[in-house]
Amino acid sequence: MAAKKMTFEASMDRLAEIVARLEAGKDSLEDSIKLFEEGTALAGRCYETLKNAEQKIRNLTEPEEDEV
């Protein structure tokens, strides 16, 4: 599954899998680097998703200037 098409929840699950594998230390250096690259890309997309969600919530909950 391409990372860009993953849901936020699926991305977080995949990140947890990557962290577990890296912490186990059983993969080769090359595989560990690939996992790290995948993890940092997923983390970046998750961060952007959260940032966008936070902005949407602010827009919905903060009163507009003309309403004050």
PDB file of N, CA and C in Angstrom:
ATOM      1  N   MET A   1       0.853  -1.192   0.000  1.00  0.00           N
ATOM      2  CA  MET A   1       0.000   0.000   0.000  1.00  0.00           C
ATOM      3  C   MET A   1       0.887   1.239   0.000  1.00  0.00           C
ATOM      4  N   ALA A   2       0.652   2.157  -0.928  1.00  0.00           N
ATOM      5  CA  ALA A   2       1.438   3.382  -0.985  1.00  0.00           C
ATOM      6  C   ALA A   2       1.143   4.249   0.226  1.00  0.00           C
ATOM      7  N   ALA A   3       2.196   4.800   0.796  1.00  0.00           N
ATOM      8  CA  ALA A   3       2.053   5.572   2.033  1.00  0.00           C
ATOM      9  C   ALA A   3       1.127   6.770   1.853  1.00  0.00           C
ATOM     10  N   LYS A   4       1.141   7.409   0.689  1.00  0.00           N
ATOM     11  CA  LYS A   4       0.302   8.587   0.491  1.00  0.00           C
ATOM     12  C   LYS A   4      -1.184   8.245   0.524  1.00  0.00           C
ATOM     13  N   LYS A   5      -1.544   7.013   0.227  1.00  0.00           N
ATOM     14  CA  LYS A   5      -2.951   6.626   0.207  1.00  0.00           C
ATOM     15  C   LYS A   5      -3.397   6.036   1.535  1.00  0.00           C
ATOM     16  N   MET A   6      -2.486   5.911   2.488  1.00  0.00           N
ATOM     17  CA  MET A   6      -2.826   5.344   3.789  1.00  0.00           C
ATOM     18  C   MET A   6      -3.627   6.354   4.598  1.00  0.00           C
ATOM     19  N   THR A   7      -4.546   5.844   5.385  1.00  0.00           N
ATOM     20  CA  THR A   7      -5.255   6.722   6.315  1.00  0.00           C
ATOM     21  C   THR A   7      -4.290   7.131   7.424  1.00  0.00           C
ATOM     22  N   PHE A   8      -4.684   8.139   8.189  1.00  0.00           N
ATOM     23  CA  PHE A   8      -3.863   8.572   9.319  1.00  0.00           C
ATOM     24  C   PHE A   8      -3.635   7.407  10.274  1.00  0.00           C
ATOM     25  N   GLU A   9      -4.703   6.670  10.560  1.00  0.00           N
ATOM     26  CA  GLU A   9      -4.612   5.554  11.501  1.00  0.00           C
ATOM     27  C   GLU A   9      -3.693   4.453  10.977  1.00  0.00           C
ATOM     28  N   ALA A  10      -3.790   4.148   9.691  1.00  0.00           N
ATOM     29  CA  ALA A  10      -2.919   3.130   9.097  1.00  0.00           C
ATOM     30  C   ALA A  10      -1.464   3.587   9.121  1.00  0.00           C
ATOM     31  N   SER A  11      -1.250   4.873   8.884  1.00  0.00           N
ATOM     32  CA  SER A  11       0.108   5.416   8.944  1.00  0.00           C
ATOM     33  C   SER A  11       0.686   5.301  10.346  1.00  0.00           C
ATOM     34  N   MET A  12      -0.124   5.599  11.349  1.00  0.00           N
ATOM     35  CA  MET A  12       0.344   5.486  12.734  1.00  0.00           C
ATOM     36  C   MET A  12       0.641   4.031  13.089  1.00  0.00           C
ATOM     37  N   ASP A  13      -0.199   3.115  12.623  1.00  0.00           N
ATOM     38  CA  ASP A  13       0.049   1.690  12.865  1.00  0.00           C
ATOM     39  C   ASP A  13       1.359   1.252  12.217  1.00  0.00           C
ATOM     40  N   ARG A  14       1.574   1.692  10.979  1.00  0.00           N
ATOM     41  CA  ARG A  14       2.821   1.340  10.279  1.00  0.00           C
ATOM     42  C   ARG A  14       4.018   1.943  11.007  1.00  0.00           C
ATOM     43  N   LEU A  15       3.895   3.163  11.491  1.00  0.00           N
ATOM     44  CA  LEU A  15       4.980   3.774  12.259  1.00  0.00           C
ATOM     45  C   LEU A  15       5.308   2.946  13.493  1.00  0.00           C
ATOM     46  N   ALA A  16       4.293   2.457  14.170  1.00  0.00           N
ATOM     47  CA  ALA A  16       4.513   1.621  15.359  1.00  0.00           C
ATOM     48  C   ALA A  16       5.264   0.342  14.982  1.00  0.00           C
ATOM     49  N   GLU A  17       4.907  -0.247  13.838  1.00  0.00           N
ATOM     50  CA  GLU A  17       5.608  -1.446  13.367  1.00  0.00           C
ATOM     51  C   GLU A  17       7.077  -1.139  13.082  1.00  0.00           C
ATOM     52  N   ILE A  18       7.317  -0.013  12.436  1.00  0.00           N
ATOM     53  CA  ILE A  18       8.683   0.378  12.092  1.00  0.00           C
ATOM     54  C   ILE A  18       9.508   0.597  13.356  1.00  0.00           C
ATOM     55  N   VAL A  19       8.941   1.306  14.314  1.00  0.00           N
ATOM     56  CA  VAL A  19       9.648   1.560  15.573  1.00  0.00           C
ATOM     57  C   VAL A  19       9.993   0.242  16.264  1.00  0.00           C
ATOM     58  N   ALA A  20       9.041  -0.676  16.297  1.00  0.00           N
ATOM     59  CA  ALA A  20       9.283  -1.972  16.944  1.00  0.00           C
ATOM     60  C   ALA A  20      10.422  -2.723  16.259  1.00  0.00           C
ATOM     61  N   ARG A  21      10.428  -2.706  14.935  1.00  0.00           N
ATOM     62  CA  ARG A  21      11.502  -3.399  14.201  1.00  0.00           C
ATOM     63  C   ARG A  21      12.844  -2.744  14.437  1.00  0.00           C
ATOM     64  N   LEU A  22      12.875  -1.407  14.425  1.00  0.00           N
ATOM     65  CA  LEU A  22      14.143  -0.718  14.648  1.00  0.00           C
ATOM     66  C   LEU A  22      14.646  -0.950  16.070  1.00  0.00           C
ATOM     67  N   GLU A  23      13.737  -0.940  17.029  1.00  0.00           N
ATOM     68  CA  GLU A  23      14.134  -1.179  18.416  1.00  0.00           C
ATOM     69  C   GLU A  23      14.628  -2.608  18.624  1.00  0.00           C
ATOM     70  N   ALA A  24      14.070  -3.564  17.877  1.00  0.00           N
ATOM     71  CA  ALA A  24      14.496  -4.962  18.003  1.00  0.00           C
ATOM     72  C   ALA A  24      15.930  -5.142  17.502  1.00  0.00           C
ATOM     73  N   GLY A  25      16.318  -4.330  16.523  1.00  0.00           N
ATOM     74  CA  GLY A  25      17.691  -4.363  16.030  1.00  0.00           C
ATOM     75  C   GLY A  25      18.075  -5.620  15.273  1.00  0.00           C
ATOM     76  N   LYS A  26      17.110  -6.315  14.708  1.00  0.00           N
ATOM     77  CA  LYS A  26      17.402  -7.573  14.011  1.00  0.00           C
ATOM     78  C   LYS A  26      17.565  -7.403  12.504  1.00  0.00           C
ATOM     79  N   ASP A  27      17.207  -6.242  11.976  1.00  0.00           N
ATOM     80  CA  ASP A  27      17.322  -6.008  10.537  1.00  0.00           C
ATOM     81  C   ASP A  27      18.747  -5.596  10.190  1.00  0.00           C
ATOM     82  N   SER A  28      19.105  -5.796   8.923  1.00  0.00           N
ATOM     83  CA  SER A  28      20.421  -5.362   8.456  1.00  0.00           C
ATOM     84  C   SER A  28      20.478  -3.834   8.473  1.00  0.00           C
ATOM     85  N   LEU A  29      21.669  -3.309   8.358  1.00  0.00           N
ATOM     86  CA  LEU A  29      21.838  -1.856   8.330  1.00  0.00           C
ATOM     87  C   LEU A  29      21.062  -1.249   7.167  1.00  0.00           C
ATOM     88  N   GLU A  30      21.165  -1.870   5.987  1.00  0.00           N
ATOM     89  CA  GLU A  30      20.455  -1.358   4.811  1.00  0.00           C
ATOM     90  C   GLU A  30      18.947  -1.351   5.032  1.00  0.00           C
ATOM     91  N   ASP A  31      18.419  -2.446   5.570  1.00  0.00           N
ATOM     92  CA  ASP A  31      16.979  -2.518   5.833  1.00  0.00           C
ATOM     93  C   ASP A  31      16.567  -1.509   6.897  1.00  0.00           C
ATOM     94  N   SER A  32      17.403  -1.334   7.895  1.00  0.00           N
ATOM     95  CA  SER A  32      17.106  -0.364   8.956  1.00  0.00           C
ATOM     96  C   SER A  32      17.050   1.052   8.404  1.00  0.00           C
ATOM     97  N   ILE A  33      17.953   1.362   7.490  1.00  0.00           N
ATOM     98  CA  ILE A  33      17.952   2.696   6.880  1.00  0.00           C
ATOM     99  C   ILE A  33      16.684   2.895   6.056  1.00  0.00           C
ATOM    100  N   LYS A  34      16.284   1.870   5.301  1.00  0.00           N
ATOM    101  CA  LYS A  34      15.043   1.963   4.518  1.00  0.00           C
ATOM    102  C   LYS A  34      13.837   2.152   5.431  1.00  0.00           C
ATOM    103  N   LEU A  35      13.811   1.403   6.534  1.00  0.00           N
ATOM    104  CA  LEU A  35      12.713   1.557   7.493  1.00  0.00           C
ATOM    105  C   LEU A  35      12.710   2.956   8.090  1.00  0.00           C
ATOM    106  N   PHE A  36      13.886   3.456   8.428  1.00  0.00           N
ATOM    107  CA  PHE A  36      13.991   4.795   8.999  1.00  0.00           C
ATOM    108  C   PHE A  36      13.481   5.841   8.013  1.00  0.00           C
ATOM    109  N   GLU A  37      13.863   5.711   6.751  1.00  0.00           N
ATOM    110  CA  GLU A  37      13.393   6.644   5.717  1.00  0.00           C
ATOM    111  C   GLU A  37      11.871   6.593   5.588  1.00  0.00           C
ATOM    112  N   GLU A  38      11.329   5.387   5.562  1.00  0.00           N
ATOM    113  CA  GLU A  38       9.873   5.233   5.472  1.00  0.00           C
ATOM    114  C   GLU A  38       9.200   5.855   6.692  1.00  0.00           C
ATOM    115  N   GLY A  39       9.769   5.608   7.852  1.00  0.00           N
ATOM    116  CA  GLY A  39       9.206   6.144   9.090  1.00  0.00           C
ATOM    117  C   GLY A  39       9.220   7.655   9.140  1.00  0.00           C
ATOM    118  N   THR A  40      10.325   8.263   8.715  1.00  0.00           N
ATOM    119  CA  THR A  40      10.375   9.727   8.751  1.00  0.00           C
ATOM    120  C   THR A  40       9.388  10.332   7.758  1.00  0.00           C
ATOM    121  N   ALA A  41       9.206   9.688   6.605  1.00  0.00           N
ATOM    122  CA  ALA A  41       8.219  10.179   5.634  1.00  0.00           C
ATOM    123  C   ALA A  41       6.806  10.059   6.202  1.00  0.00           C
ATOM    124  N   LEU A  42       6.504   8.923   6.813  1.00  0.00           N
ATOM    125  CA  LEU A  42       5.184   8.736   7.425  1.00  0.00           C
ATOM    126  C   LEU A  42       4.956   9.734   8.555  1.00  0.00           C
ATOM    127  N   ALA A  43       5.967   9.940   9.373  1.00  0.00           N
ATOM    128  CA  ALA A  43       5.836  10.881  10.487  1.00  0.00           C
ATOM    129  C   ALA A  43       5.549  12.288   9.970  1.00  0.00           C
ATOM    130  N   GLY A  44       6.203  12.669   8.890  1.00  0.00           N
ATOM    131  CA  GLY A  44       5.961  13.981   8.297  1.00  0.00           C
ATOM    132  C   GLY A  44       4.536  14.128   7.796  1.00  0.00           C
ATOM    133  N   ARG A  45       4.028  13.090   7.130  1.00  0.00           N
ATOM    134  CA  ARG A  45       2.648  13.142   6.638  1.00  0.00           C
ATOM    135  C   ARG A  45       1.651  13.161   7.791  1.00  0.00           C
ATOM    136  N   CYS A  46       1.930  12.394   8.840  1.00  0.00           N
ATOM    137  CA  CYS A  46       1.041  12.397  10.012  1.00  0.00           C
ATOM    138  C   CYS A  46       1.041  13.768  10.676  1.00  0.00           C
ATOM    139  N   TYR A  47       2.210  14.379  10.769  1.00  0.00           N
ATOM    140  CA  TYR A  47       2.307  15.709  11.363  1.00  0.00           C
ATOM    141  C   TYR A  47       1.479  16.708  10.559  1.00  0.00           C
ATOM    142  N   GLU A  48       1.589  16.664   9.244  1.00  0.00           N
ATOM    143  CA  GLU A  48       0.821  17.578   8.394  1.00  0.00           C
ATOM    144  C   GLU A  48      -0.678  17.336   8.545  1.00  0.00           C
ATOM    145  N   THR A  49      -1.085  16.088   8.622  1.00  0.00           N
ATOM    146  CA  THR A  49      -2.497  15.757   8.809  1.00  0.00           C
ATOM    147  C   THR A  49      -3.010  16.332  10.121  1.00  0.00           C
ATOM    148  N   LEU A  50      -2.236  16.163  11.186  1.00  0.00           N
ATOM    149  CA  LEU A  50      -2.636  16.702  12.493  1.00  0.00           C
ATOM    150  C   LEU A  50      -2.676  18.227  12.482  1.00  0.00           C
ATOM    151  N   LYS A  51      -1.697  18.838  11.834  1.00  0.00           N
ATOM    152  CA  LYS A  51      -1.656  20.297  11.755  1.00  0.00           C
ATOM    153  C   LYS A  51      -2.877  20.829  11.004  1.00  0.00           C
ATOM    154  N   ASN A  52      -3.241  20.171   9.909  1.00  0.00           N
ATOM    155  CA  ASN A  52      -4.418  20.579   9.140  1.00  0.00           C
ATOM    156  C   ASN A  52      -5.698  20.388   9.942  1.00  0.00           C
ATOM    157  N   ALA A  53      -5.792  19.281  10.665  1.00  0.00           N
ATOM    158  CA  ALA A  53      -6.975  19.030  11.492  1.00  0.00           C
ATOM    159  C   ALA A  53      -7.091  20.081  12.592  1.00  0.00           C
ATOM    160  N   GLU A  54      -5.972  20.429  13.204  1.00  0.00           N
ATOM    161  CA  GLU A  54      -5.979  21.449  14.253  1.00  0.00           C
ATOM    162  C   GLU A  54      -6.456  22.795  13.701  1.00  0.00           C
ATOM    163  N   GLN A  55      -5.993  23.148  12.508  1.00  0.00           N
ATOM    164  CA  GLN A  55      -6.405  24.415  11.901  1.00  0.00           C
ATOM    165  C   GLN A  55      -7.897  24.404  11.581  1.00  0.00           C
ATOM    166  N   LYS A  56      -8.411  23.297  11.083  1.00  0.00           N
ATOM    167  CA  LYS A  56      -9.847  23.193  10.797  1.00  0.00           C
ATOM    168  C   LYS A  56     -10.662  23.363  12.074  1.00  0.00           C
ATOM    169  N   ILE A  57     -10.212  22.741  13.155  1.00  0.00           N
ATOM    170  CA  ILE A  57     -10.920  22.859  14.433  1.00  0.00           C
ATOM    171  C   ILE A  57     -10.880  24.296  14.932  1.00  0.00           C
ATOM    172  N   ARG A  58      -9.734  24.947  14.811  1.00  0.00           N
ATOM    173  CA  ARG A  58      -9.644  26.364  15.209  1.00  0.00           C
ATOM    174  C   ARG A  58     -10.607  27.215  14.400  1.00  0.00           C
ATOM    175  N   ASN A  59     -10.646  26.977  13.096  1.00  0.00           N
ATOM    176  CA  ASN A  59     -11.542  27.747  12.234  1.00  0.00           C
ATOM    177  C   ASN A  59     -13.002  27.547  12.617  1.00  0.00           C
ATOM    178  N   LEU A  60     -13.340  26.351  13.049  1.00  0.00           N
ATOM    179  CA  LEU A  60     -14.723  26.062  13.421  1.00  0.00           C
ATOM    180  C   LEU A  60     -15.087  26.567  14.811  1.00  0.00           C
ATOM    181  N   THR A  61     -14.127  26.654  15.704  1.00  0.00           N
ATOM    182  CA  THR A  61     -14.441  26.996  17.093  1.00  0.00           C
ATOM    183  C   THR A  61     -14.141  28.437  17.469  1.00  0.00           C
ATOM    184  N   GLU A  62     -13.275  29.113  16.743  1.00  0.00           N
ATOM    185  CA  GLU A  62     -12.979  30.506  17.069  1.00  0.00           C
ATOM    186  C   GLU A  62     -14.014  31.408  16.409  1.00  0.00           C
ATOM    187  N   PRO A  63     -14.515  32.384  17.148  1.00  0.00           N
ATOM    188  CA  PRO A  63     -15.493  33.298  16.546  1.00  0.00           C
ATOM    189  C   PRO A  63     -14.829  34.165  15.477  1.00  0.00           C
ATOM    190  N   GLU A  64     -15.596  34.462  14.451  1.00  0.00           N
ATOM    191  CA  GLU A  64     -15.077  35.350  13.415  1.00  0.00           C
ATOM    192  C   GLU A  64     -15.074  36.768  13.954  1.00  0.00           C
ATOM    193  N   GLU A  65     -14.233  37.622  13.388  1.00  0.00           N
ATOM    194  CA  GLU A  65     -14.088  38.981  13.901  1.00  0.00           C
ATOM    195  C   GLU A  65     -15.390  39.768  13.855  1.00  0.00           C
ATOM    196  N   ASP A  66     -16.235  39.596  12.810  1.00  0.00           N
ATOM    197  CA  ASP A  66     -17.485  40.363  12.733  1.00  0.00           C
ATOM    198  C   ASP A  66     -18.507  39.883  13.761  1.00  0.00           C
ATOM    199  N   GLU A  67     -18.320  38.671  14.299  1.00  0.00           N
ATOM    200  CA  GLU A  67     -19.263  38.144  15.278  1.00  0.00           C
ATOM    201  C   GLU A  67     -19.001  38.681  16.674  1.00  0.00           C
ATOM    202  N   VAL A  68     -17.830  39.215  16.921  1.00  0.00           N
ATOM    203  CA  VAL A  68     -17.468  39.663  18.273  1.00  0.00           C
ATOM    204  C   VAL A  68     -18.074  40.990  18.587  1.00  0.00           C
TER     205      VAL A  68
END
